[in-house]
Amino acid sequence: MKKILFLQLLLLSVLNLPAQSEKSWKVDAATGYQFLTSGGGGMFALNLGIQRQFNNWFSLGFTTGSYFPKSGKPMIPFLVDARGKYPIANTELALLGIVRAGYYMDTNNLGADSFKTFGYELLPGVQMQVNDKLSVRINTGFQSIHNTSEGTDFQMIPILIGASFTL
């Protein structure tokens, strides 16, 4: 219960940060596949998030969704999401870096051990601004997840395609 309360307080603190003049809210959706680096296999990923855009280069937010393995039950992430982007001059393209960290609810072990899985994601990519309200992106990178109750670690190479909508 303490971890759920912590996640709620963390989300509220992220969403109430003061913003600069180019502030906006963005809703993000992404899907893709995460390949395990050892043993083969992977997971289908679906991510939904909300970010506060502080200026043209930085946003901070919260991401959740579901990771569906080929066998077993899905994992539900609760991640803080920091994004940096570097626009490429005279184009609609930008280099994008996403760093996420937080807890993953392991739905195989509901109960006291549900939130004993944590990890991080490093996702460099390219973003294209379609219009004033919509941008699309493709990311690949590295993801590491550690389950403290089982003592297991696994790493993945995700490939994600997503879109962000400015509210």
N, C-alpha and C. Protein backbone atom coordinates (compact mmCIF):
# COMPACT_ATOMS: atom_id res chain seq x y z
N MET A 1 0.82 -1.19 0.00
CA MET A 1 0.00 0.00 0.00
C MET A 1 0.86 1.26 0.00
N LYS A 2 1.99 1.20 0.72
CA LYS A 2 2.88 2.35 0.77
C LYS A 2 3.45 2.66 -0.61
N LYS A 3 3.74 1.61 -1.38
CA LYS A 3 4.30 1.83 -2.72
C LYS A 3 3.28 2.46 -3.66
N ILE A 4 2.02 2.05 -3.54
CA ILE A 4 0.98 2.66 -4.37
C ILE A 4 0.80 4.13 -4.00
N LEU A 5 0.81 4.43 -2.70
CA LEU A 5 0.72 5.81 -2.25
C LEU A 5 1.91 6.62 -2.75
N PHE A 6 3.11 6.02 -2.68
CA PHE A 6 4.30 6.69 -3.19
C PHE A 6 4.16 7.01 -4.68
N LEU A 7 3.68 6.06 -5.48
CA LEU A 7 3.50 6.28 -6.92
C LEU A 7 2.48 7.39 -7.18
N GLN A 8 1.41 7.43 -6.40
CA GLN A 8 0.41 8.48 -6.57
C GLN A 8 0.99 9.85 -6.24
N LEU A 9 1.74 9.94 -5.15
CA LEU A 9 2.37 11.21 -4.78
C LEU A 9 3.40 11.64 -5.81
N LEU A 10 4.16 10.68 -6.33
CA LEU A 10 5.14 10.98 -7.37
C LEU A 10 4.46 11.52 -8.61
N LEU A 11 3.37 10.90 -9.02
CA LEU A 11 2.63 11.37 -10.19
C LEU A 11 2.10 12.78 -9.96
N LEU A 12 1.53 13.05 -8.80
CA LEU A 12 1.01 14.39 -8.53
C LEU A 12 2.12 15.42 -8.50
N SER A 13 3.28 15.08 -7.96
CA SER A 13 4.38 16.05 -7.91
C SER A 13 4.90 16.35 -9.31
N VAL A 14 4.95 15.34 -10.18
CA VAL A 14 5.40 15.56 -11.56
C VAL A 14 4.41 16.45 -12.31
N LEU A 15 3.13 16.22 -12.12
CA LEU A 15 2.13 16.95 -12.88
C LEU A 15 1.93 18.38 -12.38
N ASN A 16 2.42 18.72 -11.18
CA ASN A 16 2.25 20.05 -10.63
C ASN A 16 3.51 20.90 -10.67
N LEU A 17 4.53 20.46 -11.40
CA LEU A 17 5.75 21.26 -11.51
C LEU A 17 5.47 22.55 -12.26
N PRO A 18 6.10 23.66 -11.89
CA PRO A 18 5.90 24.90 -12.64
C PRO A 18 6.49 24.78 -14.04
N ALA A 19 5.88 25.41 -14.99
CA ALA A 19 6.33 25.33 -16.38
C ALA A 19 6.79 26.69 -16.87
N GLN A 20 7.52 26.67 -18.01
CA GLN A 20 7.97 27.91 -18.63
C GLN A 20 6.97 28.34 -19.68
N SER A 21 7.32 29.33 -20.47
CA SER A 21 6.37 29.94 -21.38
C SER A 21 5.87 29.00 -22.48
N GLU A 22 6.64 28.01 -22.89
CA GLU A 22 6.21 27.10 -23.95
C GLU A 22 5.55 25.85 -23.39
N LYS A 23 4.94 25.94 -22.22
CA LYS A 23 4.37 24.79 -21.55
C LYS A 23 3.19 24.24 -22.32
N SER A 24 3.04 22.95 -22.22
CA SER A 24 1.88 22.28 -22.79
C SER A 24 1.82 20.88 -22.19
N TRP A 25 0.68 20.27 -22.32
CA TRP A 25 0.50 18.88 -21.91
C TRP A 25 0.48 18.02 -23.16
N LYS A 26 1.07 16.85 -23.07
CA LYS A 26 1.09 15.92 -24.20
C LYS A 26 0.62 14.55 -23.71
N VAL A 27 -0.19 13.92 -24.54
CA VAL A 27 -0.59 12.54 -24.31
C VAL A 27 0.16 11.70 -25.33
N ASP A 28 0.75 10.61 -24.85
CA ASP A 28 1.62 9.78 -25.69
C ASP A 28 1.11 8.35 -25.71
N ALA A 29 1.13 7.73 -26.88
CA ALA A 29 0.80 6.31 -27.02
C ALA A 29 1.87 5.67 -27.88
N ALA A 30 2.29 4.47 -27.51
CA ALA A 30 3.31 3.76 -28.27
C ALA A 30 3.04 2.26 -28.20
N THR A 31 3.48 1.56 -29.22
CA THR A 31 3.38 0.11 -29.25
C THR A 31 4.64 -0.43 -29.92
N GLY A 32 4.92 -1.68 -29.66
CA GLY A 32 6.09 -2.30 -30.25
C GLY A 32 6.38 -3.65 -29.65
N TYR A 33 7.60 -4.09 -29.84
CA TYR A 33 8.02 -5.41 -29.35
C TYR A 33 9.33 -5.24 -28.61
N GLN A 34 9.49 -6.00 -27.52
CA GLN A 34 10.71 -5.95 -26.72
C GLN A 34 11.37 -7.32 -26.78
N PHE A 35 12.55 -7.38 -27.42
CA PHE A 35 13.27 -8.64 -27.60
C PHE A 35 14.16 -8.91 -26.40
N LEU A 36 14.05 -10.10 -25.81
CA LEU A 36 14.93 -10.48 -24.72
C LEU A 36 16.35 -10.64 -25.25
N THR A 37 17.34 -10.19 -24.49
CA THR A 37 18.73 -10.28 -24.95
C THR A 37 19.32 -11.67 -24.74
N SER A 38 18.69 -12.51 -23.92
CA SER A 38 19.16 -13.88 -23.75
C SER A 38 17.96 -14.81 -23.66
N GLY A 39 18.09 -15.98 -24.21
CA GLY A 39 17.02 -16.97 -24.13
C GLY A 39 15.96 -16.85 -25.20
N GLY A 40 16.02 -15.82 -26.03
CA GLY A 40 15.02 -15.64 -27.08
C GLY A 40 13.69 -15.17 -26.52
N GLY A 41 12.77 -14.89 -27.41
CA GLY A 41 11.45 -14.45 -27.00
C GLY A 41 11.40 -12.95 -26.74
N GLY A 42 10.34 -12.54 -26.09
CA GLY A 42 10.16 -11.13 -25.80
C GLY A 42 8.74 -10.84 -25.37
N MET A 43 8.37 -9.57 -25.47
CA MET A 43 7.05 -9.12 -25.04
C MET A 43 6.50 -8.08 -26.01
N PHE A 44 5.20 -8.14 -26.23
CA PHE A 44 4.50 -7.08 -26.94
C PHE A 44 4.27 -5.95 -25.94
N ALA A 45 4.50 -4.71 -26.35
CA ALA A 45 4.38 -3.57 -25.44
C ALA A 45 3.30 -2.61 -25.90
N LEU A 46 2.58 -2.08 -24.94
CA LEU A 46 1.62 -1.01 -25.17
C LEU A 46 1.84 0.01 -24.06
N ASN A 47 2.19 1.25 -24.41
CA ASN A 47 2.48 2.30 -23.43
C ASN A 47 1.54 3.48 -23.65
N LEU A 48 1.06 4.03 -22.54
CA LEU A 48 0.25 5.24 -22.55
C LEU A 48 0.85 6.19 -21.52
N GLY A 49 0.99 7.45 -21.89
CA GLY A 49 1.61 8.38 -20.96
C GLY A 49 1.08 9.79 -21.09
N ILE A 50 1.44 10.59 -20.11
CA ILE A 50 1.14 12.01 -20.14
C ILE A 50 2.41 12.74 -19.72
N GLN A 51 2.75 13.79 -20.46
CA GLN A 51 3.95 14.57 -20.17
C GLN A 51 3.62 16.04 -20.08
N ARG A 52 4.39 16.73 -19.27
CA ARG A 52 4.34 18.18 -19.21
C ARG A 52 5.54 18.69 -19.99
N GLN A 53 5.29 19.39 -21.08
CA GLN A 53 6.36 19.96 -21.91
C GLN A 53 6.75 21.29 -21.29
N PHE A 54 8.00 21.41 -20.82
CA PHE A 54 8.46 22.62 -20.14
C PHE A 54 9.00 23.66 -21.12
N ASN A 55 9.62 23.20 -22.17
CA ASN A 55 10.12 24.07 -23.23
C ASN A 55 10.27 23.20 -24.48
N ASN A 56 10.92 23.69 -25.49
CA ASN A 56 11.04 22.93 -26.73
C ASN A 56 11.97 21.72 -26.60
N TRP A 57 12.71 21.62 -25.50
CA TRP A 57 13.73 20.58 -25.38
C TRP A 57 13.45 19.54 -24.31
N PHE A 58 12.58 19.81 -23.33
CA PHE A 58 12.45 18.91 -22.19
C PHE A 58 11.01 18.74 -21.75
N SER A 59 10.65 17.50 -21.42
CA SER A 59 9.35 17.21 -20.81
C SER A 59 9.53 16.14 -19.74
N LEU A 60 8.58 16.10 -18.83
CA LEU A 60 8.61 15.15 -17.73
C LEU A 60 7.19 14.64 -17.54
N GLY A 61 7.05 13.34 -17.28
CA GLY A 61 5.70 12.81 -17.15
C GLY A 61 5.64 11.45 -16.50
N PHE A 62 4.56 10.75 -16.80
CA PHE A 62 4.25 9.45 -16.22
C PHE A 62 3.78 8.54 -17.34
N THR A 63 4.27 7.30 -17.33
CA THR A 63 3.89 6.32 -18.34
C THR A 63 3.41 5.04 -17.67
N THR A 64 2.35 4.47 -18.20
CA THR A 64 1.86 3.17 -17.78
C THR A 64 1.52 2.38 -19.03
N GLY A 65 0.90 1.26 -18.90
CA GLY A 65 0.54 0.46 -20.05
C GLY A 65 0.52 -1.00 -19.69
N SER A 66 1.01 -1.85 -20.60
CA SER A 66 1.06 -3.28 -20.33
C SER A 66 2.11 -3.92 -21.23
N TYR A 67 2.83 -4.89 -20.66
CA TYR A 67 3.79 -5.70 -21.42
C TYR A 67 3.26 -7.12 -21.42
N PHE A 68 3.00 -7.66 -22.60
CA PHE A 68 2.39 -8.97 -22.75
C PHE A 68 3.43 -9.99 -23.19
N PRO A 69 3.89 -10.87 -22.28
CA PRO A 69 4.84 -11.91 -22.68
C PRO A 69 4.13 -13.00 -23.48
N LYS A 70 4.93 -13.84 -24.18
CA LYS A 70 4.34 -14.94 -24.93
C LYS A 70 3.69 -15.96 -24.01
N SER A 71 4.25 -16.11 -22.80
CA SER A 71 3.64 -17.00 -21.81
C SER A 71 3.59 -16.25 -20.48
N GLY A 72 2.58 -16.51 -19.70
CA GLY A 72 2.44 -15.83 -18.43
C GLY A 72 1.51 -14.63 -18.55
N LYS A 73 1.37 -13.95 -17.43
CA LYS A 73 0.46 -12.80 -17.36
C LYS A 73 1.22 -11.51 -17.65
N PRO A 74 0.50 -10.45 -18.03
CA PRO A 74 1.18 -9.19 -18.36
C PRO A 74 1.77 -8.50 -17.14
N MET A 75 2.73 -7.62 -17.41
CA MET A 75 3.30 -6.73 -16.40
C MET A 75 2.78 -5.34 -16.70
N ILE A 76 2.48 -4.58 -15.65
CA ILE A 76 1.96 -3.22 -15.81
C ILE A 76 2.99 -2.25 -15.25
N PRO A 77 3.58 -1.40 -16.11
CA PRO A 77 4.60 -0.46 -15.62
C PRO A 77 3.98 0.80 -15.04
N PHE A 78 4.66 1.37 -14.04
CA PHE A 78 4.35 2.69 -13.47
C PHE A 78 5.67 3.45 -13.47
N LEU A 79 5.91 4.25 -14.50
CA LEU A 79 7.23 4.82 -14.75
C LEU A 79 7.22 6.34 -14.81
N VAL A 80 8.23 6.96 -14.24
CA VAL A 80 8.49 8.37 -14.45
C VAL A 80 9.20 8.47 -15.79
N ASP A 81 8.82 9.43 -16.60
CA ASP A 81 9.25 9.53 -17.98
C ASP A 81 9.88 10.91 -18.21
N ALA A 82 11.18 10.95 -18.49
CA ALA A 82 11.87 12.21 -18.81
C ALA A 82 12.30 12.16 -20.27
N ARG A 83 12.03 13.25 -21.00
CA ARG A 83 12.34 13.29 -22.42
C ARG A 83 13.12 14.54 -22.77
N GLY A 84 14.12 14.35 -23.58
CA GLY A 84 14.87 15.47 -24.14
C GLY A 84 14.85 15.37 -25.65
N LYS A 85 14.72 16.50 -26.31
CA LYS A 85 14.70 16.46 -27.77
C LYS A 85 15.57 17.58 -28.31
N TYR A 86 16.22 17.29 -29.42
CA TYR A 86 17.10 18.25 -30.07
C TYR A 86 16.62 18.42 -31.51
N PRO A 87 15.91 19.51 -31.81
CA PRO A 87 15.40 19.72 -33.17
C PRO A 87 16.53 19.85 -34.19
N ILE A 88 16.36 19.23 -35.34
CA ILE A 88 17.32 19.34 -36.44
C ILE A 88 16.91 20.54 -37.28
N ALA A 89 17.85 21.46 -37.50
CA ALA A 89 17.57 22.72 -38.19
C ALA A 89 16.96 22.50 -39.58
N ASN A 90 15.97 23.33 -39.91
CA ASN A 90 15.31 23.37 -41.21
C ASN A 90 14.60 22.08 -41.58
N THR A 91 14.21 21.29 -40.59
CA THR A 91 13.44 20.07 -40.85
C THR A 91 12.36 19.95 -39.79
N GLU A 92 11.48 19.00 -39.96
CA GLU A 92 10.47 18.68 -38.96
C GLU A 92 10.94 17.56 -38.04
N LEU A 93 12.21 17.17 -38.17
CA LEU A 93 12.76 16.06 -37.39
C LEU A 93 13.47 16.55 -36.14
N ALA A 94 13.53 15.68 -35.14
CA ALA A 94 14.27 15.96 -33.92
C ALA A 94 14.85 14.65 -33.39
N LEU A 95 16.05 14.73 -32.82
CA LEU A 95 16.61 13.59 -32.10
C LEU A 95 15.94 13.56 -30.74
N LEU A 96 15.58 12.37 -30.28
CA LEU A 96 14.79 12.24 -29.07
C LEU A 96 15.45 11.24 -28.14
N GLY A 97 15.50 11.56 -26.87
CA GLY A 97 15.99 10.63 -25.85
C GLY A 97 14.95 10.51 -24.75
N ILE A 98 14.59 9.28 -24.43
CA ILE A 98 13.61 9.02 -23.36
C ILE A 98 14.29 8.16 -22.30
N VAL A 99 14.14 8.59 -21.05
CA VAL A 99 14.63 7.81 -19.90
C VAL A 99 13.43 7.57 -19.01
N ARG A 100 13.17 6.31 -18.71
CA ARG A 100 12.06 5.95 -17.84
C ARG A 100 12.59 5.08 -16.70
N ALA A 101 12.00 5.24 -15.53
CA ALA A 101 12.36 4.40 -14.39
C ALA A 101 11.16 4.28 -13.47
N GLY A 102 11.03 3.13 -12.83
CA GLY A 102 9.93 2.95 -11.89
C GLY A 102 9.67 1.50 -11.58
N TYR A 103 8.45 1.24 -11.17
CA TYR A 103 8.03 -0.09 -10.76
C TYR A 103 7.16 -0.74 -11.83
N TYR A 104 7.20 -2.07 -11.85
CA TYR A 104 6.38 -2.87 -12.74
C TYR A 104 5.53 -3.79 -11.88
N MET A 105 4.22 -3.73 -12.04
CA MET A 105 3.35 -4.64 -11.30
C MET A 105 3.40 -6.00 -11.99
N ASP A 106 3.84 -6.99 -11.27
CA ASP A 106 3.91 -8.35 -11.79
C ASP A 106 2.57 -9.02 -11.52
N THR A 107 1.74 -9.17 -12.54
CA THR A 107 0.40 -9.73 -12.33
C THR A 107 0.44 -11.24 -12.12
N ASN A 108 1.62 -11.88 -12.25
CA ASN A 108 1.76 -13.29 -11.89
C ASN A 108 1.74 -13.47 -10.37
N ASN A 109 2.16 -12.44 -9.63
CA ASN A 109 2.28 -12.52 -8.18
C ASN A 109 1.50 -11.39 -7.52
N LEU A 110 0.20 -11.36 -7.70
CA LEU A 110 -0.60 -10.31 -7.06
C LEU A 110 -0.57 -10.49 -5.55
N GLY A 111 -0.45 -9.37 -4.87
CA GLY A 111 -0.37 -9.42 -3.41
C GLY A 111 0.83 -8.63 -2.94
N ALA A 112 1.47 -9.12 -1.89
CA ALA A 112 2.58 -8.39 -1.27
C ALA A 112 3.77 -8.23 -2.21
N ASP A 113 3.98 -9.17 -3.12
CA ASP A 113 5.15 -9.13 -4.01
C ASP A 113 4.88 -8.44 -5.34
N SER A 114 3.70 -7.87 -5.53
CA SER A 114 3.33 -7.28 -6.82
C SER A 114 4.27 -6.18 -7.28
N PHE A 115 4.75 -5.35 -6.34
CA PHE A 115 5.59 -4.21 -6.71
C PHE A 115 7.06 -4.41 -6.33
N LYS A 116 7.53 -5.65 -6.35
CA LYS A 116 8.94 -5.91 -6.07
C LYS A 116 9.73 -6.06 -7.36
N THR A 117 9.19 -5.52 -8.43
CA THR A 117 9.87 -5.53 -9.72
C THR A 117 10.08 -4.08 -10.14
N PHE A 118 11.31 -3.71 -10.40
CA PHE A 118 11.61 -2.35 -10.82
C PHE A 118 12.59 -2.39 -11.98
N GLY A 119 12.70 -1.26 -12.67
CA GLY A 119 13.61 -1.23 -13.80
C GLY A 119 13.71 0.14 -14.42
N TYR A 120 14.42 0.18 -15.53
CA TYR A 120 14.61 1.43 -16.26
C TYR A 120 14.66 1.14 -17.75
N GLU A 121 14.44 2.19 -18.53
CA GLU A 121 14.48 2.12 -19.99
C GLU A 121 15.26 3.31 -20.52
N LEU A 122 16.14 3.08 -21.47
CA LEU A 122 16.87 4.13 -22.20
C LEU A 122 16.49 3.99 -23.66
N LEU A 123 15.82 5.02 -24.21
CA LEU A 123 15.22 4.90 -25.54
C LEU A 123 15.58 6.09 -26.44
N PRO A 124 16.72 6.04 -27.12
CA PRO A 124 16.99 7.07 -28.12
C PRO A 124 16.12 6.84 -29.35
N GLY A 125 15.85 7.91 -30.09
CA GLY A 125 15.02 7.77 -31.27
C GLY A 125 14.96 9.02 -32.11
N VAL A 126 14.05 9.00 -33.07
CA VAL A 126 13.82 10.13 -33.96
C VAL A 126 12.33 10.47 -33.91
N GLN A 127 12.04 11.76 -33.85
CA GLN A 127 10.66 12.25 -33.80
C GLN A 127 10.42 13.18 -34.98
N MET A 128 9.22 13.09 -35.56
CA MET A 128 8.85 13.98 -36.66
C MET A 128 7.57 14.72 -36.27
N GLN A 129 7.61 16.04 -36.38
CA GLN A 129 6.44 16.87 -36.09
C GLN A 129 5.54 16.87 -37.32
N VAL A 130 4.33 16.30 -37.22
CA VAL A 130 3.41 16.21 -38.35
C VAL A 130 2.66 17.53 -38.53
N ASN A 131 2.16 18.08 -37.42
CA ASN A 131 1.51 19.39 -37.42
C ASN A 131 1.66 19.98 -36.02
N ASP A 132 0.94 21.06 -35.72
CA ASP A 132 1.09 21.73 -34.42
C ASP A 132 0.70 20.85 -33.24
N LYS A 133 -0.16 19.88 -33.46
CA LYS A 133 -0.68 19.06 -32.36
C LYS A 133 -0.17 17.62 -32.34
N LEU A 134 0.44 17.14 -33.41
CA LEU A 134 0.79 15.73 -33.54
C LEU A 134 2.24 15.53 -33.93
N SER A 135 2.90 14.61 -33.22
CA SER A 135 4.24 14.18 -33.61
C SER A 135 4.28 12.66 -33.54
N VAL A 136 5.10 12.04 -34.39
CA VAL A 136 5.28 10.59 -34.41
C VAL A 136 6.75 10.31 -34.15
N ARG A 137 7.02 9.10 -33.64
CA ARG A 137 8.40 8.77 -33.30
C ARG A 137 8.66 7.28 -33.45
N ILE A 138 9.95 6.95 -33.56
CA ILE A 138 10.41 5.58 -33.50
C ILE A 138 11.60 5.55 -32.55
N ASN A 139 11.59 4.57 -31.65
CA ASN A 139 12.64 4.44 -30.65
C ASN A 139 13.14 3.00 -30.59
N THR A 140 14.39 2.85 -30.26
CA THR A 140 14.96 1.57 -29.88
C THR A 140 15.92 1.86 -28.74
N GLY A 141 16.37 0.87 -28.05
CA GLY A 141 17.26 1.15 -26.93
C GLY A 141 17.50 -0.04 -26.06
N PHE A 142 17.45 0.18 -24.74
CA PHE A 142 17.77 -0.85 -23.76
C PHE A 142 16.80 -0.75 -22.60
N GLN A 143 16.39 -1.91 -22.08
CA GLN A 143 15.50 -1.96 -20.93
C GLN A 143 16.01 -3.04 -19.98
N SER A 144 16.05 -2.73 -18.69
CA SER A 144 16.48 -3.69 -17.68
C SER A 144 15.42 -3.76 -16.59
N ILE A 145 15.03 -4.98 -16.23
CA ILE A 145 14.01 -5.19 -15.21
C ILE A 145 14.55 -6.18 -14.18
N HIS A 146 14.35 -5.86 -12.90
CA HIS A 146 14.84 -6.69 -11.80
C HIS A 146 13.69 -7.01 -10.86
N ASN A 147 13.50 -8.30 -10.58
CA ASN A 147 12.47 -8.74 -9.64
C ASN A 147 13.16 -9.13 -8.34
N THR A 148 12.98 -8.33 -7.28
CA THR A 148 13.68 -8.59 -6.02
C THR A 148 13.11 -9.78 -5.27
N SER A 149 11.83 -10.11 -5.44
CA SER A 149 11.26 -11.25 -4.73
C SER A 149 11.76 -12.58 -5.29
N GLU A 150 12.01 -12.64 -6.60
CA GLU A 150 12.50 -13.86 -7.23
C GLU A 150 14.00 -13.82 -7.49
N GLY A 151 14.61 -12.63 -7.38
CA GLY A 151 16.03 -12.50 -7.64
C GLY A 151 16.39 -12.66 -9.11
N THR A 152 15.46 -12.30 -9.99
CA THR A 152 15.72 -12.47 -11.43
C THR A 152 15.92 -11.11 -12.09
N ASP A 153 16.75 -11.11 -13.10
CA ASP A 153 17.00 -9.94 -13.94
C ASP A 153 16.77 -10.34 -15.38
N PHE A 154 16.24 -9.42 -16.16
CA PHE A 154 16.27 -9.64 -17.60
C PHE A 154 16.39 -8.30 -18.31
N GLN A 155 17.04 -8.35 -19.45
CA GLN A 155 17.26 -7.17 -20.26
C GLN A 155 16.59 -7.38 -21.61
N MET A 156 16.14 -6.27 -22.19
CA MET A 156 15.44 -6.34 -23.48
C MET A 156 15.90 -5.20 -24.38
N ILE A 157 15.73 -5.42 -25.67
CA ILE A 157 15.94 -4.40 -26.69
C ILE A 157 14.56 -4.06 -27.26
N PRO A 158 13.97 -2.93 -26.84
CA PRO A 158 12.65 -2.57 -27.36
C PRO A 158 12.74 -1.83 -28.70
N ILE A 159 11.75 -2.04 -29.52
CA ILE A 159 11.54 -1.24 -30.74
C ILE A 159 10.11 -0.74 -30.66
N LEU A 160 9.95 0.58 -30.54
CA LEU A 160 8.64 1.18 -30.31
C LEU A 160 8.32 2.22 -31.37
N ILE A 161 7.06 2.28 -31.75
CA ILE A 161 6.53 3.33 -32.63
C ILE A 161 5.44 4.03 -31.85
N GLY A 162 5.49 5.37 -31.83
CA GLY A 162 4.52 6.08 -31.02
C GLY A 162 4.09 7.41 -31.61
N ALA A 163 3.13 8.00 -30.96
CA ALA A 163 2.61 9.32 -31.35
C ALA A 163 2.31 10.12 -30.11
N SER A 164 2.55 11.44 -30.17
CA SER A 164 2.23 12.37 -29.08
C SER A 164 1.24 13.40 -29.58
N PHE A 165 0.26 13.69 -28.75
CA PHE A 165 -0.78 14.66 -29.07
C PHE A 165 -0.73 15.78 -28.06
N THR A 166 -0.63 17.02 -28.52
CA THR A 166 -0.62 18.17 -27.63
C THR A 166 -2.05 18.53 -27.27
N LEU A 167 -2.30 18.71 -25.99
CA LEU A 167 -3.65 19.06 -25.52
C LEU A 167 -3.85 20.56 -25.54
